[in-house]
PDB file of N, CA and C in Angstrom:
ATOM      1  N   MET A   1     -27.510  -2.670 -14.933  1.00  0.00           N
ATOM      2  CA  MET A   1     -27.140  -4.451 -14.571  1.00  0.00           C
ATOM      3  C   MET A   1     -26.102  -5.233 -15.473  1.00  0.00           C
ATOM      4  N   PRO A   2     -25.530  -5.980 -15.449  1.00  0.00           N
ATOM      5  CA  PRO A   2     -24.842  -7.320 -16.314  1.00  0.00           C
ATOM      6  C   PRO A   2     -25.818  -8.150 -16.609  1.00  0.00           C
ATOM      7  N   GLN A   3     -25.608  -8.472 -17.846  1.00  0.00           N
ATOM      8  CA  GLN A   3     -26.015  -9.657 -18.328  1.00  0.00           C
ATOM      9  C   GLN A   3     -25.471 -11.345 -18.393  1.00  0.00           C
ATOM     10  N   LEU A   4     -24.597 -10.818 -18.589  1.00  0.00           N
ATOM     11  CA  LEU A   4     -23.962 -12.419 -18.320  1.00  0.00           C
ATOM     12  C   LEU A   4     -23.536 -12.374 -17.062  1.00  0.00           C
ATOM     13  N   LYS A   5     -23.707 -14.025 -16.435  1.00  0.00           N
ATOM     14  CA  LYS A   5     -23.481 -14.615 -15.164  1.00  0.00           C
ATOM     15  C   LYS A   5     -22.343 -14.228 -14.597  1.00  0.00           C
ATOM     16  N   GLN A   6     -21.490 -14.327 -15.925  1.00  0.00           N
ATOM     17  CA  GLN A   6     -19.732 -13.727 -15.110  1.00  0.00           C
ATOM     18  C   GLN A   6     -19.393 -12.812 -15.263  1.00  0.00           C
ATOM     19  N   SER A   7     -20.025 -11.393 -15.841  1.00  0.00           N
ATOM     20  CA  SER A   7     -20.182 -10.046 -15.335  1.00  0.00           C
ATOM     21  C   SER A   7     -20.742  -9.805 -13.804  1.00  0.00           C
ATOM     22  N   ALA A   8     -22.195 -10.501 -13.729  1.00  0.00           N
ATOM     23  CA  ALA A   8     -22.354 -10.242 -12.385  1.00  0.00           C
ATOM     24  C   ALA A   8     -21.656 -10.584 -11.351  1.00  0.00           C
ATOM     25  N   LYS A   9     -20.822 -11.999 -11.477  1.00  0.00           N
ATOM     26  CA  LYS A   9     -20.146 -12.354 -10.362  1.00  0.00           C
ATOM     27  C   LYS A   9     -18.668 -11.523 -10.207  1.00  0.00           C
ATOM     28  N   ARG A  10     -18.594 -11.070 -11.335  1.00  0.00           N
ATOM     29  CA  ARG A  10     -17.348  -9.928 -11.280  1.00  0.00           C
ATOM     30  C   ARG A  10     -17.670  -8.734 -10.852  1.00  0.00           C
ATOM     31  N   LEU A  11     -18.612  -8.235 -11.086  1.00  0.00           N
ATOM     32  CA  LEU A  11     -19.134  -6.589 -10.325  1.00  0.00           C
ATOM     33  C   LEU A  11     -19.077  -7.224  -8.815  1.00  0.00           C
ATOM     34  N   ARG A  12     -19.813  -8.482  -8.532  1.00  0.00           N
ATOM     35  CA  ARG A  12     -19.451  -8.592  -7.002  1.00  0.00           C
ATOM     36  C   ARG A  12     -18.257  -8.859  -6.461  1.00  0.00           C
ATOM     37  N   GLN A  13     -17.600  -9.559  -6.971  1.00  0.00           N
ATOM     38  CA  GLN A  13     -16.080  -9.491  -6.512  1.00  0.00           C
ATOM     39  C   GLN A  13     -15.180  -8.071  -6.626  1.00  0.00           C
ATOM     40  N   SER A  14     -15.990  -7.022  -7.602  1.00  0.00           N
ATOM     41  CA  SER A  14     -14.859  -6.037  -7.912  1.00  0.00           C
ATOM     42  C   SER A  14     -15.180  -5.368  -6.694  1.00  0.00           C
ATOM     43  N   LYS A  15     -16.763  -5.228  -6.345  1.00  0.00           N
ATOM     44  CA  LYS A  15     -17.113  -4.480  -5.023  1.00  0.00           C
ATOM     45  C   LYS A  15     -16.503  -5.390  -3.532  1.00  0.00           C
ATOM     46  N   LYS A  16     -16.386  -5.862  -3.629  1.00  0.00           N
ATOM     47  CA  LYS A  16     -15.766  -7.058  -2.337  1.00  0.00           C
ATOM     48  C   LYS A  16     -14.817  -6.170  -2.155  1.00  0.00           C
ATOM     49  N   LEU A  17     -13.278  -6.331  -3.456  1.00  0.00           N
ATOM     50  CA  LEU A  17     -12.425  -6.134  -3.064  1.00  0.00           C
ATOM     51  C   LEU A  17     -12.178  -4.179  -3.125  1.00  0.00           C
ATOM     52  N   ALA A  18     -13.217  -3.990  -3.656  1.00  0.00           N
ATOM     53  CA  ALA A  18     -12.703  -2.164  -3.707  1.00  0.00           C
ATOM     54  C   ALA A  18     -13.245  -2.120  -1.778  1.00  0.00           C
ATOM     55  N   ILE A  19     -13.679  -2.697  -1.166  1.00  0.00           N
ATOM     56  CA  ILE A  19     -14.221  -2.432   0.391  1.00  0.00           C
ATOM     57  C   ILE A  19     -13.081  -2.766   0.660  1.00  0.00           C
ATOM     58  N   ALA A  20     -12.714  -4.362   0.771  1.00  0.00           N
ATOM     59  CA  ALA A  20     -11.577  -4.254   1.506  1.00  0.00           C
ATOM     60  C   ALA A  20     -10.190  -3.509   1.390  1.00  0.00           C
ATOM     61  N   ASN A  21      -9.634  -2.984   0.066  1.00  0.00           N
ATOM     62  CA  ASN A  21      -8.373  -2.270  -0.340  1.00  0.00           C
ATOM     63  C   ASN A  21      -8.792  -1.316   0.171  1.00  0.00           C
ATOM     64  N   LYS A  22      -9.816  -0.541   0.594  1.00  0.00           N
ATOM     65  CA  LYS A  22     -10.515   0.769   0.825  1.00  0.00           C
ATOM     66  C   LYS A  22      -9.927   0.682   2.520  1.00  0.00           C
ATOM     67  N   ARG A  23     -10.372  -0.738   3.114  1.00  0.00           N
ATOM     68  CA  ARG A  23     -10.269  -0.227   4.697  1.00  0.00           C
ATOM     69  C   ARG A  23      -8.795  -0.528   5.048  1.00  0.00           C
ATOM     70  N   VAL A  24      -7.813  -1.101   3.880  1.00  0.00           N
ATOM     71  CA  VAL A  24      -6.612  -1.309   4.235  1.00  0.00           C
ATOM     72  C   VAL A  24      -5.466   0.019   4.132  1.00  0.00           C
ATOM     73  N   LYS A  25      -6.393   1.161   3.175  1.00  0.00           N
ATOM     74  CA  LYS A  25      -5.758   2.059   2.791  1.00  0.00           C
ATOM     75  C   LYS A  25      -6.330   3.025   3.650  1.00  0.00           C
ATOM     76  N   ASP A  26      -7.342   2.966   4.321  1.00  0.00           N
ATOM     77  CA  ASP A  26      -7.840   4.075   5.643  1.00  0.00           C
ATOM     78  C   ASP A  26      -6.941   3.520   6.836  1.00  0.00           C
ATOM     79  N   ASN A  27      -6.847   2.126   6.941  1.00  0.00           N
ATOM     80  CA  ASN A  27      -5.897   2.326   7.933  1.00  0.00           C
ATOM     81  C   ASN A  27      -4.147   2.509   7.962  1.00  0.00           C
ATOM     82  N   ILE A  28      -3.887   2.702   6.729  1.00  0.00           N
ATOM     83  CA  ILE A  28      -2.569   3.014   6.441  1.00  0.00           C
ATOM     84  C   ILE A  28      -2.486   4.288   7.138  1.00  0.00           C
ATOM     85  N   ASP A  29      -3.555   5.163   6.023  1.00  0.00           N
ATOM     86  CA  ASP A  29      -3.446   6.727   6.612  1.00  0.00           C
ATOM     87  C   ASP A  29      -3.870   6.748   8.388  1.00  0.00           C
ATOM     88  N   TYR A  30      -4.667   6.243   8.561  1.00  0.00           N
ATOM     89  CA  TYR A  30      -4.908   6.418  10.463  1.00  0.00           C
ATOM     90  C   TYR A  30      -3.395   6.346  10.934  1.00  0.00           C
ATOM     91  N   LEU A  31      -2.346   5.526  10.585  1.00  0.00           N
ATOM     92  CA  LEU A  31      -1.380   5.515  11.325  1.00  0.00           C
ATOM     93  C   LEU A  31      -0.553   6.709  10.909  1.00  0.00           C
ATOM     94  N   ALA A  32      -0.027   7.288   9.484  1.00  0.00           N
ATOM     95  CA  ALA A  32       0.410   7.863   9.009  1.00  0.00           C
ATOM     96  C   ALA A  32      -0.029   9.124   9.685  1.00  0.00           C
ATOM     97  N   ARG A  33      -1.425   9.344   9.962  1.00  0.00           N
ATOM     98  CA  ARG A  33      -1.604  10.770  11.119  1.00  0.00           C
ATOM     99  C   ARG A  33      -0.831  10.313  12.177  1.00  0.00           C
ATOM    100  N   ASN A  34      -1.147   9.681  12.831  1.00  0.00           N
ATOM    101  CA  ASN A  34      -0.844   9.290  14.225  1.00  0.00           C
ATOM    102  C   ASN A  34       1.207   9.692  14.053  1.00  0.00           C
ATOM    103  N   PHE A  35       1.351   9.340  13.052  1.00  0.00           N
ATOM    104  CA  PHE A  35       3.030   9.216  12.773  1.00  0.00           C
ATOM    105  C   PHE A  35       3.018  10.421  12.845  1.00  0.00           C
ATOM    106  N   LYS A  36       2.546  11.697  12.283  1.00  0.00           N
ATOM    107  CA  LYS A  36       2.515  12.768  12.105  1.00  0.00           C
ATOM    108  C   LYS A  36       2.315  13.478  13.306  1.00  0.00           C
ATOM    109  N   LYS A  37       1.784  13.372  14.204  1.00  0.00           N
ATOM    110  CA  LYS A  37       0.865  14.177  15.094  1.00  0.00           C
ATOM    111  C   LYS A  37       2.312  13.627  16.272  1.00  0.00           C
ATOM    112  N   ALA A  38       2.741  12.174  16.165  1.00  0.00           N
ATOM    113  CA  ALA A  38       4.016  12.005  16.868  1.00  0.00           C
ATOM    114  C   ALA A  38       5.348  13.191  16.882  1.00  0.00           C
ATOM    115  N   VAL A  39       5.455  13.439  15.576  1.00  0.00           N
ATOM    116  CA  VAL A  39       6.730  13.917  14.865  1.00  0.00           C
ATOM    117  C   VAL A  39       6.571  15.462  15.460  1.00  0.00           C
ATOM    118  N   THR A  40       5.360  16.105  15.343  1.00  0.00           N
ATOM    119  CA  THR A  40       5.093  17.233  15.581  1.00  0.00           C
ATOM    120  C   THR A  40       5.010  17.667  17.094  1.00  0.00           C
ATOM    121  N   ALA A  41       4.904  16.160  17.951  1.00  0.00           N
ATOM    122  CA  ALA A  41       5.035  16.358  19.340  1.00  0.00           C
ATOM    123  C   ALA A  41       6.139  16.307  19.907  1.00  0.00           C
ATOM    124  N   LYS A  42       7.137  15.697  18.920  1.00  0.00           N
ATOM    125  CA  LYS A  42       8.354  15.399  19.226  1.00  0.00           C
ATOM    126  C   LYS A  42       8.599  14.176  20.406  1.00  0.00           C
ATOM    127  N   ASP A  43       7.645  13.157  19.754  1.00  0.00           N
ATOM    128  CA  ASP A  43       8.014  11.977  20.427  1.00  0.00           C
ATOM    129  C   ASP A  43       8.270  10.938  19.887  1.00  0.00           C
ATOM    130  N   LYS A  44       9.751  10.504  20.010  1.00  0.00           N
ATOM    131  CA  LYS A  44      10.618  10.054  18.980  1.00  0.00           C
ATOM    132  C   LYS A  44      10.331   8.772  19.081  1.00  0.00           C
ATOM    133  N   SER A  45      10.273   7.582  20.430  1.00  0.00           N
ATOM    134  CA  SER A  45       9.998   6.189  19.916  1.00  0.00           C
ATOM    135  C   SER A  45       8.550   6.061  20.303  1.00  0.00           C
ATOM    136  N   GLN A  46       7.228   6.948  19.708  1.00  0.00           N
ATOM    137  CA  GLN A  46       6.335   6.797  19.709  1.00  0.00           C
ATOM    138  C   GLN A  46       6.370   6.740  17.868  1.00  0.00           C
ATOM    139  N   ALA A  47       6.961   7.583  17.582  1.00  0.00           N
ATOM    140  CA  ALA A  47       6.515   7.957  16.392  1.00  0.00           C
ATOM    141  C   ALA A  47       7.804   6.949  15.429  1.00  0.00           C
ATOM    142  N   GLN A  48       8.764   6.231  15.891  1.00  0.00           N
ATOM    143  CA  GLN A  48       9.602   5.461  15.882  1.00  0.00           C
ATOM    144  C   GLN A  48       8.818   4.030  15.605  1.00  0.00           C
ATOM    145  N   ASP A  49       8.060   3.923  16.310  1.00  0.00           N
ATOM    146  CA  ASP A  49       6.854   2.504  16.746  1.00  0.00           C
ATOM    147  C   ASP A  49       5.617   2.600  15.513  1.00  0.00           C
ATOM    148  N   PHE A  50       5.209   4.169  14.789  1.00  0.00           N
ATOM    149  CA  PHE A  50       4.186   4.153  14.507  1.00  0.00           C
ATOM    150  C   PHE A  50       5.057   3.617  12.870  1.00  0.00           C
ATOM    151  N   ALA A  51       6.372   4.498  12.805  1.00  0.00           N
ATOM    152  CA  ALA A  51       6.858   4.220  11.549  1.00  0.00           C
ATOM    153  C   ALA A  51       7.041   2.751  11.461  1.00  0.00           C
ATOM    154  N   LYS A  52       7.586   1.919  12.257  1.00  0.00           N
ATOM    155  CA  LYS A  52       7.629   0.512  12.033  1.00  0.00           C
ATOM    156  C   LYS A  52       6.421  -0.173  11.697  1.00  0.00           C
ATOM    157  N   LYS A  53       5.384   0.316  11.794  1.00  0.00           N
ATOM    158  CA  LYS A  53       3.867  -0.460  11.352  1.00  0.00           C
ATOM    159  C   LYS A  53       3.434  -0.047  10.174  1.00  0.00           C
ATOM    160  N   LEU A  54       3.666   1.184  10.011  1.00  0.00           N
ATOM    161  CA  LEU A  54       3.493   1.924   8.682  1.00  0.00           C
ATOM    162  C   LEU A  54       4.453   1.054   7.333  1.00  0.00           C
ATOM    163  N   ILE A  55       5.620   1.451   7.890  1.00  0.00           N
ATOM    164  CA  ILE A  55       6.180   0.459   6.908  1.00  0.00           C
ATOM    165  C   ILE A  55       5.955  -1.128   6.493  1.00  0.00           C
ATOM    166  N   LYS A  56       5.419  -1.901   7.338  1.00  0.00           N
ATOM    167  CA  LYS A  56       5.195  -3.291   7.721  1.00  0.00           C
ATOM    168  C   LYS A  56       4.001  -3.531   6.498  1.00  0.00           C
ATOM    169  N   LEU A  57       2.896  -2.342   6.965  1.00  0.00           N
ATOM    170  CA  LEU A  57       1.494  -2.303   6.281  1.00  0.00           C
ATOM    171  C   LEU A  57       1.392  -1.824   4.880  1.00  0.00           C
ATOM    172  N   ILE A  58       2.181  -0.642   4.338  1.00  0.00           N
ATOM    173  CA  ILE A  58       2.953  -0.487   3.120  1.00  0.00           C
ATOM    174  C   ILE A  58       3.437  -1.571   2.114  1.00  0.00           C
ATOM    175  N   ASP A  59       4.376  -2.154   2.964  1.00  0.00           N
ATOM    176  CA  ASP A  59       4.867  -3.536   1.978  1.00  0.00           C
ATOM    177  C   ASP A  59       3.677  -4.827   1.740  1.00  0.00           C
ATOM    178  N   LYS A  60       2.731  -4.539   2.672  1.00  0.00           N
ATOM    179  CA  LYS A  60       1.733  -5.665   2.267  1.00  0.00           C
ATOM    180  C   LYS A  60       0.788  -5.072   1.626  1.00  0.00           C
ATOM    181  N   ALA A  61       0.686  -3.783   1.268  1.00  0.00           N
ATOM    182  CA  ALA A  61      -0.425  -3.195   0.601  1.00  0.00           C
ATOM    183  C   ALA A  61       0.127  -3.225  -0.760  1.00  0.00           C
ATOM    184  N   ALA A  62       1.779  -3.198  -0.771  1.00  0.00           N
ATOM    185  CA  ALA A  62       2.631  -3.159  -2.172  1.00  0.00           C
ATOM    186  C   ALA A  62       2.253  -4.836  -2.434  1.00  0.00           C
ATOM    187  N   LYS A  63       2.427  -5.829  -1.800  1.00  0.00           N
ATOM    188  CA  LYS A  63       2.472  -7.265  -2.250  1.00  0.00           C
ATOM    189  C   LYS A  63       1.364  -7.446  -2.821  1.00  0.00           C
ATOM    190  N   ARG A  64       0.187  -7.130  -2.312  1.00  0.00           N
ATOM    191  CA  ARG A  64      -1.468  -7.556  -2.511  1.00  0.00           C
ATOM    192  C   ARG A  64      -1.649  -6.718  -3.817  1.00  0.00           C
ATOM    193  N   ASN A  65      -0.863  -5.495  -4.658  1.00  0.00           N
ATOM    194  CA  ASN A  65      -1.074  -5.090  -5.539  1.00  0.00           C
ATOM    195  C   ASN A  65      -2.070  -3.888  -4.991  1.00  0.00           C
ATOM    196  N   ILE A  66      -2.406  -3.808  -3.911  1.00  0.00           N
ATOM    197  CA  ILE A  66      -3.453  -2.409  -3.261  1.00  0.00           C
ATOM    198  C   ILE A  66      -2.673  -1.280  -3.822  1.00  0.00           C
ATOM    199  N   TYR A  67      -1.234  -0.964  -3.803  1.00  0.00           N
ATOM    200  CA  TYR A  67      -0.346   0.142  -4.060  1.00  0.00           C
ATOM    201  C   TYR A  67       0.405  -0.547  -4.558  1.00  0.00           C
ATOM    202  N   HIS A  68       0.955   0.513  -5.904  1.00  0.00           N
ATOM    203  CA  HIS A  68       2.074   0.041  -6.971  1.00  0.00           C
ATOM    204  C   HIS A  68       3.418   0.146  -6.235  1.00  0.00           C
ATOM    205  N   LEU A  69       4.229  -0.524  -6.299  1.00  0.00           N
ATOM    206  CA  LEU A  69       5.552  -0.635  -5.601  1.00  0.00           C
ATOM    207  C   LEU A  69       6.422   0.938  -5.283  1.00  0.00           C
ATOM    208  N   ASN A  70       6.391   1.339  -6.948  1.00  0.00           N
ATOM    209  CA  ASN A  70       6.764   2.930  -6.387  1.00  0.00           C
ATOM    210  C   ASN A  70       6.168   3.647  -5.421  1.00  0.00           C
ATOM    211  N   LYS A  71       5.051   3.492  -5.743  1.00  0.00           N
ATOM    212  CA  LYS A  71       3.743   4.450  -4.507  1.00  0.00           C
ATOM    213  C   LYS A  71       4.172   4.202  -3.115  1.00  0.00           C
ATOM    214  N   ALA A  72       4.792   2.935  -2.982  1.00  0.00           N
ATOM    215  CA  ALA A  72       4.880   2.623  -1.617  1.00  0.00           C
ATOM    216  C   ALA A  72       6.676   2.685  -1.539  1.00  0.00           C
ATOM    217  N   ALA A  73       7.080   2.515  -1.568  1.00  0.00           N
ATOM    218  CA  ALA A  73       8.777   3.404  -1.869  1.00  0.00           C
ATOM    219  C   ALA A  73       8.761   4.545  -1.799  1.00  0.00           C
ATOM    220  N   ARG A  74       7.877   5.147  -2.356  1.00  0.00           N
ATOM    221  CA  ARG A  74       7.936   6.838  -2.441  1.00  0.00           C
ATOM    222  C   ARG A  74       7.136   7.282  -0.622  1.00  0.00           C
ATOM    223  N   LYS A  75       6.513   6.435  -0.235  1.00  0.00           N
ATOM    224  CA  LYS A  75       5.748   6.948   1.083  1.00  0.00           C
ATOM    225  C   LYS A  75       6.501   6.433   1.907  1.00  0.00           C
ATOM    226  N   LYS A  76       7.513   5.454   1.791  1.00  0.00           N
ATOM    227  CA  LYS A  76       7.923   4.536   3.003  1.00  0.00           C
ATOM    228  C   LYS A  76       9.639   6.068   3.142  1.00  0.00           C
ATOM    229  N   SER A  77       9.934   6.138   1.830  1.00  0.00           N
ATOM    230  CA  SER A  77      10.580   7.022   1.897  1.00  0.00           C
ATOM    231  C   SER A  77      10.589   8.364   2.670  1.00  0.00           C
ATOM    232  N   ARG A  78       9.349   9.222   1.653  1.00  0.00           N
ATOM    233  CA  ARG A  78       8.799  10.678   2.749  1.00  0.00           C
ATOM    234  C   ARG A  78       9.160  10.370   4.352  1.00  0.00           C
ATOM    235  N   MET A  79       8.528   8.955   4.755  1.00  0.00           N
ATOM    236  CA  MET A  79       8.439   8.735   5.821  1.00  0.00           C
ATOM    237  C   MET A  79       9.641   9.017   6.557  1.00  0.00           C
ATOM    238  N   MET A  80      10.557   8.165   6.078  1.00  0.00           N
ATOM    239  CA  MET A  80      11.784   8.152   7.168  1.00  0.00           C
ATOM    240  C   MET A  80      12.564   9.227   6.606  1.00  0.00           C
ATOM    241  N   LYS A  81      11.992  10.084   5.834  1.00  0.00           N
ATOM    242  CA  LYS A  81      13.027  11.148   5.776  1.00  0.00           C
ATOM    243  C   LYS A  81      12.381  12.432   6.498  1.00  0.00           C
ATOM    244  N   THR A  82      11.208  12.325   6.729  1.00  0.00           N
ATOM    245  CA  THR A  82      10.564  13.374   7.934  1.00  0.00           C
ATOM    246  C   THR A  82      10.790  12.610   9.108  1.00  0.00           C
ATOM    247  N   LEU A  83      11.214  11.622   9.510  1.00  0.00           N
ATOM    248  CA  LEU A  83      11.583  11.084  11.040  1.00  0.00           C
ATOM    249  C   LEU A  83      13.167  11.332  11.307  1.00  0.00           C
ATOM    250  N   ASN A  84      13.988  11.045  10.088  1.00  0.00           N
ATOM    251  CA  ASN A  84      15.293  11.630  10.204  1.00  0.00           C
ATOM    252  C   ASN A  84      15.463  12.872  10.525  1.00  0.00           C
ATOM    253  N   SER A  85      14.715  13.621   9.793  1.00  0.00           N
ATOM    254  CA  SER A  85      15.472  14.992   9.656  1.00  0.00           C
ATOM    255  C   SER A  85      14.958  15.765  10.649  1.00  0.00           C
ATOM    256  N   ASN A  86      13.570  15.550  11.597  1.00  0.00           N
ATOM    257  CA  ASN A  86      13.704  15.795  13.033  1.00  0.00           C
ATOM    258  C   ASN A  86      13.914  15.420  14.001  1.00  0.00           C
ATOM    259  N   PHE A  87      14.224  13.798  14.027  1.00  0.00           N
ATOM    260  CA  PHE A  87      15.118  13.834  15.224  1.00  0.00           C
ATOM    261  C   PHE A  87      16.802  13.683  14.846  1.00  0.00           C
ATOM    262  N   LYS A  88      17.544  14.486  14.426  1.00  0.00           N
ATOM    263  CA  LYS A  88      19.084  14.447  13.898  1.00  0.00           C
ATOM    264  C   LYS A  88      19.769  14.285  15.703  1.00  0.00           C
ATOM    265  N   ASP A  89      20.381  12.989  15.581  1.00  0.00           N
ATOM    266  CA  ASP A  89      21.263  13.232  16.797  1.00  0.00           C
ATOM    267  C   ASP A  89      21.985  14.564  16.819  1.00  0.00           C
ATOM    268  N   LYS A  90      22.396  15.206  17.828  1.00  0.00           N
ATOM    269  CA  LYS A  90      23.125  16.482  18.047  1.00  0.00           C
ATOM    270  C   LYS A  90      23.951  16.204  19.038  1.00  0.00           C
TER     271      LYS A  90
END
């Protein structure tokens, strides 16, 4: 248990932030799972829709320091690589 008032407040704040950050990460993971399902089902329009939503959420998470900028770029790059390799124009 923290002895100082500022330590107690910091503990409360960090717990709240951890919950908020987990909510954002869980939402990103949920959309990523749906994106993968759409790709395996060969549903191009739905996969593109999930990709667009994912990019927006990942960028917001990186802006708020939930994800490191390089991690956000890597996640987006891998997602787009998956999308492009599975839906090549023939």
